[in-house]
Amino acid sequence: MAKAAKTAIKKDPKLAAEAKNYTKVIKAVRSPKSGAYTFKEAMVHKDKVKDFLAAAEK
């Protein structure tokens, strides 16, 4: 299935250009219950990275 997605992006230059605008963001968050770290990750538009990190702190 992943190969089909890559092929679709290569065939359509608009999709390839749009895909480059997204970033995978991983934020380590300490669990209040156990004190262990958990990770929140998301694919976020590059203009919204700071918003995601700020929201993850709350």
N, C-alpha and C. Protein backbone atom coordinates (compact mmCIF):
# COMPACT_ATOMS: atom_id res chain seq x y z
N MET A 1 0.82 -1.19 0.00
CA MET A 1 0.00 0.00 0.00
C MET A 1 0.87 1.25 0.00
N ALA A 2 1.96 1.26 0.71
CA ALA A 2 2.84 2.42 0.75
C ALA A 2 3.44 2.70 -0.62
N LYS A 3 3.72 1.64 -1.37
CA LYS A 3 4.27 1.84 -2.70
C LYS A 3 3.28 2.56 -3.60
N ALA A 4 2.01 2.26 -3.47
CA ALA A 4 1.00 2.93 -4.29
C ALA A 4 0.94 4.41 -3.97
N ALA A 5 1.09 4.77 -2.70
CA ALA A 5 1.06 6.17 -2.31
C ALA A 5 2.27 6.91 -2.88
N LYS A 6 3.44 6.29 -2.81
CA LYS A 6 4.63 6.93 -3.37
C LYS A 6 4.49 7.11 -4.88
N THR A 7 3.94 6.11 -5.54
CA THR A 7 3.77 6.19 -6.99
C THR A 7 2.81 7.30 -7.35
N ALA A 8 1.74 7.44 -6.60
CA ALA A 8 0.76 8.49 -6.87
C ALA A 8 1.38 9.87 -6.71
N ILE A 9 2.23 10.04 -5.72
CA ILE A 9 2.87 11.33 -5.50
C ILE A 9 3.85 11.64 -6.63
N LYS A 10 4.59 10.65 -7.10
CA LYS A 10 5.54 10.88 -8.17
C LYS A 10 4.85 11.26 -9.47
N LYS A 11 3.67 10.70 -9.72
CA LYS A 11 2.97 10.98 -10.97
C LYS A 11 2.33 12.36 -10.98
N ASP A 12 1.93 12.86 -9.83
CA ASP A 12 1.24 14.15 -9.76
C ASP A 12 2.14 15.17 -9.07
N PRO A 13 2.71 16.11 -9.81
CA PRO A 13 3.62 17.10 -9.21
C PRO A 13 2.95 17.98 -8.15
N LYS A 14 1.65 18.21 -8.27
CA LYS A 14 0.95 19.02 -7.26
C LYS A 14 0.95 18.31 -5.91
N LEU A 15 0.70 17.00 -5.92
CA LEU A 15 0.72 16.24 -4.67
C LEU A 15 2.11 16.21 -4.07
N ALA A 16 3.12 16.08 -4.89
CA ALA A 16 4.50 16.04 -4.40
C ALA A 16 4.87 17.38 -3.77
N ALA A 17 4.46 18.47 -4.37
CA ALA A 17 4.76 19.80 -3.82
C ALA A 17 4.03 20.01 -2.50
N GLU A 18 2.79 19.55 -2.42
CA GLU A 18 2.02 19.72 -1.19
C GLU A 18 2.57 18.83 -0.08
N ALA A 19 3.02 17.64 -0.41
CA ALA A 19 3.55 16.72 0.59
C ALA A 19 4.81 17.27 1.25
N LYS A 20 5.56 18.06 0.56
CA LYS A 20 6.79 18.64 1.12
C LYS A 20 6.50 19.70 2.17
N ASN A 21 5.26 20.14 2.27
CA ASN A 21 4.88 21.16 3.25
C ASN A 21 4.53 20.58 4.61
N TYR A 22 4.56 19.26 4.75
CA TYR A 22 4.20 18.61 6.00
C TYR A 22 5.43 18.06 6.70
N THR A 23 5.40 18.10 8.02
CA THR A 23 6.50 17.65 8.85
C THR A 23 5.97 16.72 9.93
N LYS A 24 6.72 15.68 10.24
CA LYS A 24 6.35 14.80 11.34
C LYS A 24 6.94 15.40 12.62
N VAL A 25 6.08 15.70 13.58
CA VAL A 25 6.50 16.32 14.83
C VAL A 25 6.29 15.32 15.96
N ILE A 26 7.32 15.14 16.78
CA ILE A 26 7.24 14.24 17.92
C ILE A 26 7.56 15.05 19.17
N LYS A 27 6.66 15.00 20.13
CA LYS A 27 6.81 15.77 21.37
C LYS A 27 6.80 14.80 22.55
N ALA A 28 7.82 14.86 23.40
CA ALA A 28 7.86 14.05 24.61
C ALA A 28 7.07 14.76 25.70
N VAL A 29 6.13 14.04 26.31
CA VAL A 29 5.26 14.60 27.34
C VAL A 29 5.32 13.69 28.56
N ARG A 30 5.55 14.27 29.72
CA ARG A 30 5.60 13.48 30.95
C ARG A 30 4.19 13.20 31.44
N SER A 31 3.91 11.95 31.73
CA SER A 31 2.61 11.53 32.22
C SER A 31 2.45 11.98 33.67
N PRO A 32 1.36 12.67 34.00
CA PRO A 32 1.18 13.11 35.39
C PRO A 32 0.90 11.94 36.34
N LYS A 33 0.35 10.87 35.84
CA LYS A 33 0.00 9.73 36.67
C LYS A 33 1.21 8.90 37.07
N SER A 34 2.03 8.52 36.09
CA SER A 34 3.15 7.61 36.38
C SER A 34 4.50 8.32 36.37
N GLY A 35 4.58 9.49 35.79
CA GLY A 35 5.86 10.20 35.71
C GLY A 35 6.71 9.75 34.53
N ALA A 36 6.25 8.76 33.79
CA ALA A 36 6.98 8.28 32.62
C ALA A 36 6.69 9.18 31.42
N TYR A 37 7.59 9.17 30.47
CA TYR A 37 7.39 9.96 29.27
C TYR A 37 6.54 9.19 28.27
N THR A 38 5.65 9.93 27.62
CA THR A 38 4.89 9.41 26.50
C THR A 38 5.18 10.34 25.32
N PHE A 39 4.90 9.88 24.14
CA PHE A 39 5.21 10.66 22.96
C PHE A 39 3.95 10.94 22.17
N LYS A 40 3.78 12.20 21.81
CA LYS A 40 2.69 12.59 20.93
C LYS A 40 3.32 12.90 19.58
N GLU A 41 2.80 12.29 18.55
CA GLU A 41 3.34 12.55 17.22
C GLU A 41 2.21 12.82 16.25
N ALA A 42 2.51 13.68 15.27
CA ALA A 42 1.51 14.03 14.27
C ALA A 42 2.20 14.54 13.02
N MET A 43 1.50 14.42 11.92
CA MET A 43 1.92 15.03 10.67
C MET A 43 1.26 16.40 10.63
N VAL A 44 2.06 17.45 10.64
CA VAL A 44 1.56 18.81 10.77
C VAL A 44 2.09 19.65 9.62
N HIS A 45 1.27 20.58 9.15
CA HIS A 45 1.74 21.52 8.13
C HIS A 45 2.88 22.33 8.73
N LYS A 46 3.86 22.65 7.91
CA LYS A 46 5.07 23.30 8.44
C LYS A 46 4.78 24.65 9.10
N ASP A 47 3.68 25.31 8.74
CA ASP A 47 3.33 26.58 9.36
C ASP A 47 2.67 26.40 10.73
N LYS A 48 2.24 25.19 11.07
CA LYS A 48 1.52 24.93 12.31
C LYS A 48 2.35 24.18 13.35
N VAL A 49 3.65 24.03 13.12
CA VAL A 49 4.49 23.26 14.04
C VAL A 49 4.54 23.91 15.42
N LYS A 50 4.74 25.21 15.49
CA LYS A 50 4.81 25.89 16.78
C LYS A 50 3.49 25.78 17.54
N ASP A 51 2.37 25.84 16.82
CA ASP A 51 1.06 25.69 17.46
C ASP A 51 0.91 24.31 18.08
N PHE A 52 1.36 23.27 17.35
CA PHE A 52 1.29 21.90 17.89
C PHE A 52 2.14 21.76 19.14
N LEU A 53 3.35 22.29 19.12
CA LEU A 53 4.22 22.17 20.29
C LEU A 53 3.69 22.95 21.48
N ALA A 54 3.09 24.12 21.23
CA ALA A 54 2.52 24.91 22.31
C ALA A 54 1.30 24.20 22.90
N ALA A 55 0.47 23.59 22.08
CA ALA A 55 -0.72 22.89 22.55
C ALA A 55 -0.33 21.63 23.32
N ALA A 56 0.75 21.00 22.97
CA ALA A 56 1.18 19.78 23.64
C ALA A 56 1.69 20.08 25.06
N GLU A 57 2.12 21.30 25.31
CA GLU A 57 2.64 21.68 26.63
C GLU A 57 1.51 21.84 27.65
N LYS A 58 0.33 22.16 27.20
CA LYS A 58 -0.80 22.43 28.11
C LYS A 58 -1.34 21.19 28.71
